[in-house]
Amino acid sequence: MTVDTPIIRLPELLKIVCLCKGSVYRGIKTGEFPAPIKLTQRAVGWRREDIVEWIASRQAAIQQ
């Protein structure tokens, strides 16, 4: 990860993926959703490119 990699925090993530917080964390637990990265002791975020790749994989799965 470079310094230029945009980080998405949870409120923005929920708007982008149209999932509730519980669904996101359930997906992380099962390995179906990208895990967050730890930003500080209490804050996490997701790399934008990981979320874009996840969305693309979901779209590909739907088209099959």
PDB file of N, CA and C in Angstrom:
ATOM      1  N   MET A   1       0.843  -1.176   0.000  1.00  0.00           N
ATOM      2  CA  MET A   1       0.000   0.000   0.000  1.00  0.00           C
ATOM      3  C   MET A   1       0.886   1.236   0.000  1.00  0.00           C
ATOM      4  N   THR A   2       0.564   2.170  -0.856  1.00  0.00           N
ATOM      5  CA  THR A   2       1.315   3.415  -0.903  1.00  0.00           C
ATOM      6  C   THR A   2       0.564   4.485  -0.128  1.00  0.00           C
ATOM      7  N   VAL A   3       1.228   5.587   0.072  1.00  0.00           N
ATOM      8  CA  VAL A   3       0.603   6.708   0.776  1.00  0.00           C
ATOM      9  C   VAL A   3      -0.575   7.247  -0.031  1.00  0.00           C
ATOM     10  N   ASP A   4      -0.536   7.096  -1.352  1.00  0.00           N
ATOM     11  CA  ASP A   4      -1.586   7.618  -2.222  1.00  0.00           C
ATOM     12  C   ASP A   4      -2.839   6.748  -2.253  1.00  0.00           C
ATOM     13  N   THR A   5      -2.812   5.579  -1.647  1.00  0.00           N
ATOM     14  CA  THR A   5      -3.956   4.679  -1.679  1.00  0.00           C
ATOM     15  C   THR A   5      -5.099   5.262  -0.851  1.00  0.00           C
ATOM     16  N   PRO A   6      -6.232   5.556  -1.498  1.00  0.00           N
ATOM     17  CA  PRO A   6      -7.358   6.109  -0.742  1.00  0.00           C
ATOM     18  C   PRO A   6      -7.917   5.072   0.239  1.00  0.00           C
ATOM     19  N   ILE A   7      -8.269   5.537   1.409  1.00  0.00           N
ATOM     20  CA  ILE A   7      -8.848   4.690   2.437  1.00  0.00           C
ATOM     21  C   ILE A   7     -10.310   5.089   2.621  1.00  0.00           C
ATOM     22  N   ILE A   8     -11.173   4.093   2.674  1.00  0.00           N
ATOM     23  CA  ILE A   8     -12.602   4.316   2.864  1.00  0.00           C
ATOM     24  C   ILE A   8     -12.951   3.947   4.301  1.00  0.00           C
ATOM     25  N   ARG A   9     -13.605   4.847   4.996  1.00  0.00           N
ATOM     26  CA  ARG A   9     -14.071   4.553   6.353  1.00  0.00           C
ATOM     27  C   ARG A   9     -15.463   3.933   6.274  1.00  0.00           C
ATOM     28  N   LEU A  10     -15.930   3.358   7.349  1.00  0.00           N
ATOM     29  CA  LEU A  10     -17.166   2.580   7.364  1.00  0.00           C
ATOM     30  C   LEU A  10     -18.394   3.319   6.825  1.00  0.00           C
ATOM     31  N   PRO A  11     -18.686   4.554   7.237  1.00  0.00           N
ATOM     32  CA  PRO A  11     -19.896   5.205   6.705  1.00  0.00           C
ATOM     33  C   PRO A  11     -19.899   5.307   5.176  1.00  0.00           C
ATOM     34  N   GLU A  12     -18.760   5.655   4.595  1.00  0.00           N
ATOM     35  CA  GLU A  12     -18.667   5.747   3.134  1.00  0.00           C
ATOM     36  C   GLU A  12     -18.766   4.364   2.504  1.00  0.00           C
ATOM     37  N   LEU A  13     -18.127   3.379   3.125  1.00  0.00           N
ATOM     38  CA  LEU A  13     -18.168   2.005   2.619  1.00  0.00           C
ATOM     39  C   LEU A  13     -19.600   1.498   2.528  1.00  0.00           C
ATOM     40  N   LEU A  14     -20.387   1.730   3.570  1.00  0.00           N
ATOM     41  CA  LEU A  14     -21.770   1.258   3.588  1.00  0.00           C
ATOM     42  C   LEU A  14     -22.585   1.873   2.455  1.00  0.00           C
ATOM     43  N   LYS A  15     -22.315   3.132   2.121  1.00  0.00           N
ATOM     44  CA  LYS A  15     -23.011   3.776   1.007  1.00  0.00           C
ATOM     45  C   LYS A  15     -22.582   3.179  -0.327  1.00  0.00           C
ATOM     46  N   ILE A  16     -21.305   2.872  -0.465  1.00  0.00           N
ATOM     47  CA  ILE A  16     -20.778   2.353  -1.728  1.00  0.00           C
ATOM     48  C   ILE A  16     -21.300   0.951  -2.016  1.00  0.00           C
ATOM     49  N   VAL A  17     -21.261   0.079  -1.017  1.00  0.00           N
ATOM     50  CA  VAL A  17     -21.615  -1.328  -1.253  1.00  0.00           C
ATOM     51  C   VAL A  17     -23.085  -1.632  -0.985  1.00  0.00           C
ATOM     52  N   CYS A  18     -23.825  -0.678  -0.446  1.00  0.00           N
ATOM     53  CA  CYS A  18     -25.255  -0.846  -0.151  1.00  0.00           C
ATOM     54  C   CYS A  18     -25.524  -2.065   0.726  1.00  0.00           C
ATOM     55  N   LEU A  19     -24.712  -2.224   1.749  1.00  0.00           N
ATOM     56  CA  LEU A  19     -24.902  -3.281   2.734  1.00  0.00           C
ATOM     57  C   LEU A  19     -24.991  -2.637   4.106  1.00  0.00           C
ATOM     58  N   CYS A  20     -25.598  -3.353   5.045  1.00  0.00           N
ATOM     59  CA  CYS A  20     -25.601  -2.859   6.420  1.00  0.00           C
ATOM     60  C   CYS A  20     -24.297  -3.268   7.097  1.00  0.00           C
ATOM     61  N   LYS A  21     -24.015  -2.642   8.219  1.00  0.00           N
ATOM     62  CA  LYS A  21     -22.771  -2.901   8.943  1.00  0.00           C
ATOM     63  C   LYS A  21     -22.648  -4.376   9.318  1.00  0.00           C
ATOM     64  N   GLY A  22     -23.740  -4.987   9.749  1.00  0.00           N
ATOM     65  CA  GLY A  22     -23.711  -6.399  10.127  1.00  0.00           C
ATOM     66  C   GLY A  22     -23.335  -7.296   8.962  1.00  0.00           C
ATOM     67  N   SER A  23     -23.855  -6.993   7.778  1.00  0.00           N
ATOM     68  CA  SER A  23     -23.527  -7.793   6.589  1.00  0.00           C
ATOM     69  C   SER A  23     -22.058  -7.666   6.221  1.00  0.00           C
ATOM     70  N   VAL A  24     -21.513  -6.470   6.357  1.00  0.00           N
ATOM     71  CA  VAL A  24     -20.092  -6.256   6.060  1.00  0.00           C
ATOM     72  C   VAL A  24     -19.237  -7.085   7.007  1.00  0.00           C
ATOM     73  N   TYR A  25     -19.501  -6.981   8.301  1.00  0.00           N
ATOM     74  CA  TYR A  25     -18.674  -7.703   9.272  1.00  0.00           C
ATOM     75  C   TYR A  25     -18.887  -9.218   9.199  1.00  0.00           C
ATOM     76  N   ARG A  26     -20.089  -9.646   8.843  1.00  0.00           N
ATOM     77  CA  ARG A  26     -20.335 -11.077   8.624  1.00  0.00           C
ATOM     78  C   ARG A  26     -19.532 -11.562   7.417  1.00  0.00           C
ATOM     79  N   GLY A  27     -19.486 -10.765   6.361  1.00  0.00           N
ATOM     80  CA  GLY A  27     -18.697 -11.106   5.181  1.00  0.00           C
ATOM     81  C   GLY A  27     -17.209 -11.164   5.471  1.00  0.00           C
ATOM     82  N   ILE A  28     -16.734 -10.274   6.328  1.00  0.00           N
ATOM     83  CA  ILE A  28     -15.321 -10.297   6.727  1.00  0.00           C
ATOM     84  C   ILE A  28     -15.029 -11.591   7.475  1.00  0.00           C
ATOM     85  N   LYS A  29     -15.927 -11.952   8.385  1.00  0.00           N
ATOM     86  CA  LYS A  29     -15.731 -13.158   9.202  1.00  0.00           C
ATOM     87  C   LYS A  29     -15.696 -14.421   8.349  1.00  0.00           C
ATOM     88  N   THR A  30     -16.516 -14.472   7.302  1.00  0.00           N
ATOM     89  CA  THR A  30     -16.566 -15.654   6.439  1.00  0.00           C
ATOM     90  C   THR A  30     -15.555 -15.598   5.302  1.00  0.00           C
ATOM     91  N   GLY A  31     -14.867 -14.469   5.155  1.00  0.00           N
ATOM     92  CA  GLY A  31     -13.882 -14.331   4.091  1.00  0.00           C
ATOM     93  C   GLY A  31     -14.463 -13.906   2.757  1.00  0.00           C
ATOM     94  N   GLU A  32     -15.730 -13.525   2.743  1.00  0.00           N
ATOM     95  CA  GLU A  32     -16.396 -13.117   1.506  1.00  0.00           C
ATOM     96  C   GLU A  32     -16.272 -11.621   1.229  1.00  0.00           C
ATOM     97  N   PHE A  33     -15.724 -10.871   2.179  1.00  0.00           N
ATOM     98  CA  PHE A  33     -15.585  -9.425   2.033  1.00  0.00           C
ATOM     99  C   PHE A  33     -14.182  -9.043   2.471  1.00  0.00           C
ATOM    100  N   PRO A  34     -13.569  -8.056   1.824  1.00  0.00           N
ATOM    101  CA  PRO A  34     -12.199  -7.665   2.198  1.00  0.00           C
ATOM    102  C   PRO A  34     -12.101  -7.229   3.665  1.00  0.00           C
ATOM    103  N   ALA A  35     -11.054  -7.649   4.309  1.00  0.00           N
ATOM    104  CA  ALA A  35     -10.817  -7.257   5.701  1.00  0.00           C
ATOM    105  C   ALA A  35     -10.331  -5.812   5.755  1.00  0.00           C
ATOM    106  N   PRO A  36     -10.686  -5.106   6.808  1.00  0.00           N
ATOM    107  CA  PRO A  36     -10.204  -3.730   6.954  1.00  0.00           C
ATOM    108  C   PRO A  36      -8.749  -3.715   7.385  1.00  0.00           C
ATOM    109  N   ILE A  37      -8.145  -2.552   7.234  1.00  0.00           N
ATOM    110  CA  ILE A  37      -6.792  -2.355   7.758  1.00  0.00           C
ATOM    111  C   ILE A  37      -6.908  -1.455   8.982  1.00  0.00           C
ATOM    112  N   LYS A  38      -6.056  -1.677   9.927  1.00  0.00           N
ATOM    113  CA  LYS A  38      -6.079  -0.892  11.163  1.00  0.00           C
ATOM    114  C   LYS A  38      -5.357   0.435  10.919  1.00  0.00           C
ATOM    115  N   LEU A  39      -6.045   1.537  11.183  1.00  0.00           N
ATOM    116  CA  LEU A  39      -5.475   2.868  10.985  1.00  0.00           C
ATOM    117  C   LEU A  39      -4.891   3.409  12.286  1.00  0.00           C
ATOM    118  N   THR A  40      -5.623   3.232  13.351  1.00  0.00           N
ATOM    119  CA  THR A  40      -5.167   3.604  14.688  1.00  0.00           C
ATOM    120  C   THR A  40      -5.640   2.505  15.628  1.00  0.00           C
ATOM    121  N   GLN A  41      -5.473   2.713  16.904  1.00  0.00           N
ATOM    122  CA  GLN A  41      -5.903   1.706  17.868  1.00  0.00           C
ATOM    123  C   GLN A  41      -7.407   1.445  17.778  1.00  0.00           C
ATOM    124  N   ARG A  42      -8.184   2.477  17.440  1.00  0.00           N
ATOM    125  CA  ARG A  42      -9.640   2.333  17.419  1.00  0.00           C
ATOM    126  C   ARG A  42     -10.269   2.511  16.043  1.00  0.00           C
ATOM    127  N   ALA A  43      -9.501   2.837  15.032  1.00  0.00           N
ATOM    128  CA  ALA A  43     -10.060   3.139  13.715  1.00  0.00           C
ATOM    129  C   ALA A  43      -9.579   2.148  12.664  1.00  0.00           C
ATOM    130  N   VAL A  44     -10.516   1.755  11.800  1.00  0.00           N
ATOM    131  CA  VAL A  44     -10.169   0.893  10.675  1.00  0.00           C
ATOM    132  C   VAL A  44     -10.692   1.526   9.397  1.00  0.00           C
ATOM    133  N   GLY A  45     -10.185   1.059   8.281  1.00  0.00           N
ATOM    134  CA  GLY A  45     -10.626   1.522   6.977  1.00  0.00           C
ATOM    135  C   GLY A  45     -10.333   0.458   5.949  1.00  0.00           C
ATOM    136  N   TRP A  46     -10.851   0.650   4.760  1.00  0.00           N
ATOM    137  CA  TRP A  46     -10.652  -0.293   3.669  1.00  0.00           C
ATOM    138  C   TRP A  46      -9.955   0.414   2.523  1.00  0.00           C
ATOM    139  N   ARG A  47      -9.047  -0.290   1.862  1.00  0.00           N
ATOM    140  CA  ARG A  47      -8.394   0.280   0.681  1.00  0.00           C
ATOM    141  C   ARG A  47      -9.425   0.339  -0.440  1.00  0.00           C
ATOM    142  N   ARG A  48      -9.527   1.497  -1.079  1.00  0.00           N
ATOM    143  CA  ARG A  48     -10.522   1.678  -2.145  1.00  0.00           C
ATOM    144  C   ARG A  48     -10.353   0.623  -3.238  1.00  0.00           C
ATOM    145  N   GLU A  49      -9.111   0.305  -3.604  1.00  0.00           N
ATOM    146  CA  GLU A  49      -8.907  -0.669  -4.679  1.00  0.00           C
ATOM    147  C   GLU A  49      -9.404  -2.058  -4.283  1.00  0.00           C
ATOM    148  N   ASP A  50      -9.328  -2.422  -3.009  1.00  0.00           N
ATOM    149  CA  ASP A  50      -9.865  -3.711  -2.557  1.00  0.00           C
ATOM    150  C   ASP A  50     -11.381  -3.755  -2.720  1.00  0.00           C
ATOM    151  N   ILE A  51     -12.036  -2.651  -2.422  1.00  0.00           N
ATOM    152  CA  ILE A  51     -13.493  -2.593  -2.541  1.00  0.00           C
ATOM    153  C   ILE A  51     -13.911  -2.601  -4.006  1.00  0.00           C
ATOM    154  N   VAL A  52     -13.183  -1.884  -4.852  1.00  0.00           N
ATOM    155  CA  VAL A  52     -13.485  -1.884  -6.291  1.00  0.00           C
ATOM    156  C   VAL A  52     -13.336  -3.298  -6.855  1.00  0.00           C
ATOM    157  N   GLU A  53     -12.287  -4.008  -6.454  1.00  0.00           N
ATOM    158  CA  GLU A  53     -12.089  -5.390  -6.904  1.00  0.00           C
ATOM    159  C   GLU A  53     -13.209  -6.295  -6.402  1.00  0.00           C
ATOM    160  N   TRP A  54     -13.651  -6.103  -5.167  1.00  0.00           N
ATOM    161  CA  TRP A  54     -14.729  -6.913  -4.608  1.00  0.00           C
ATOM    162  C   TRP A  54     -16.024  -6.682  -5.393  1.00  0.00           C
ATOM    163  N   ILE A  55     -16.332  -5.432  -5.703  1.00  0.00           N
ATOM    164  CA  ILE A  55     -17.534  -5.115  -6.477  1.00  0.00           C
ATOM    165  C   ILE A  55     -17.450  -5.763  -7.855  1.00  0.00           C
ATOM    166  N   ALA A  56     -16.293  -5.680  -8.503  1.00  0.00           N
ATOM    167  CA  ALA A  56     -16.115  -6.288  -9.826  1.00  0.00           C
ATOM    168  C   ALA A  56     -16.300  -7.801  -9.754  1.00  0.00           C
ATOM    169  N   SER A  57     -15.807  -8.428  -8.703  1.00  0.00           N
ATOM    170  CA  SER A  57     -15.957  -9.882  -8.571  1.00  0.00           C
ATOM    171  C   SER A  57     -17.417 -10.258  -8.357  1.00  0.00           C
ATOM    172  N   ARG A  58     -18.158  -9.437  -7.627  1.00  0.00           N
ATOM    173  CA  ARG A  58     -19.590  -9.696  -7.415  1.00  0.00           C
ATOM    174  C   ARG A  58     -20.347  -9.550  -8.735  1.00  0.00           C
ATOM    175  N   GLN A  59     -19.994  -8.533  -9.525  1.00  0.00           N
ATOM    176  CA  GLN A  59     -20.658  -8.337 -10.814  1.00  0.00           C
ATOM    177  C   GLN A  59     -20.364  -9.498 -11.748  1.00  0.00           C
ATOM    178  N   ALA A  60     -19.123  -9.990 -11.745  1.00  0.00           N
ATOM    179  CA  ALA A  60     -18.750 -11.124 -12.590  1.00  0.00           C
ATOM    180  C   ALA A  60     -19.508 -12.373 -12.165  1.00  0.00           C
ATOM    181  N   ALA A  61     -19.682 -12.576 -10.871  1.00  0.00           N
ATOM    182  CA  ALA A  61     -20.403 -13.752 -10.373  1.00  0.00           C
ATOM    183  C   ALA A  61     -21.872 -13.702 -10.777  1.00  0.00           C
ATOM    184  N   ILE A  62     -22.453 -12.520 -10.787  1.00  0.00           N
ATOM    185  CA  ILE A  62     -23.857 -12.371 -11.172  1.00  0.00           C
ATOM    186  C   ILE A  62     -24.045 -12.661 -12.658  1.00  0.00           C
ATOM    187  N   GLN A  63     -23.088 -12.265 -13.486  1.00  0.00           N
ATOM    188  CA  GLN A  63     -23.198 -12.438 -14.931  1.00  0.00           C
ATOM    189  C   GLN A  63     -22.997 -13.882 -15.374  1.00  0.00           C
ATOM    190  N   GLN A  64     -22.441 -14.714 -14.517  1.00  0.00           N
ATOM    191  CA  GLN A  64     -22.196 -16.110 -14.919  1.00  0.00           C
ATOM    192  C   GLN A  64     -23.419 -16.950 -14.815  1.00  0.00           C
TER     193      GLN A  64
END
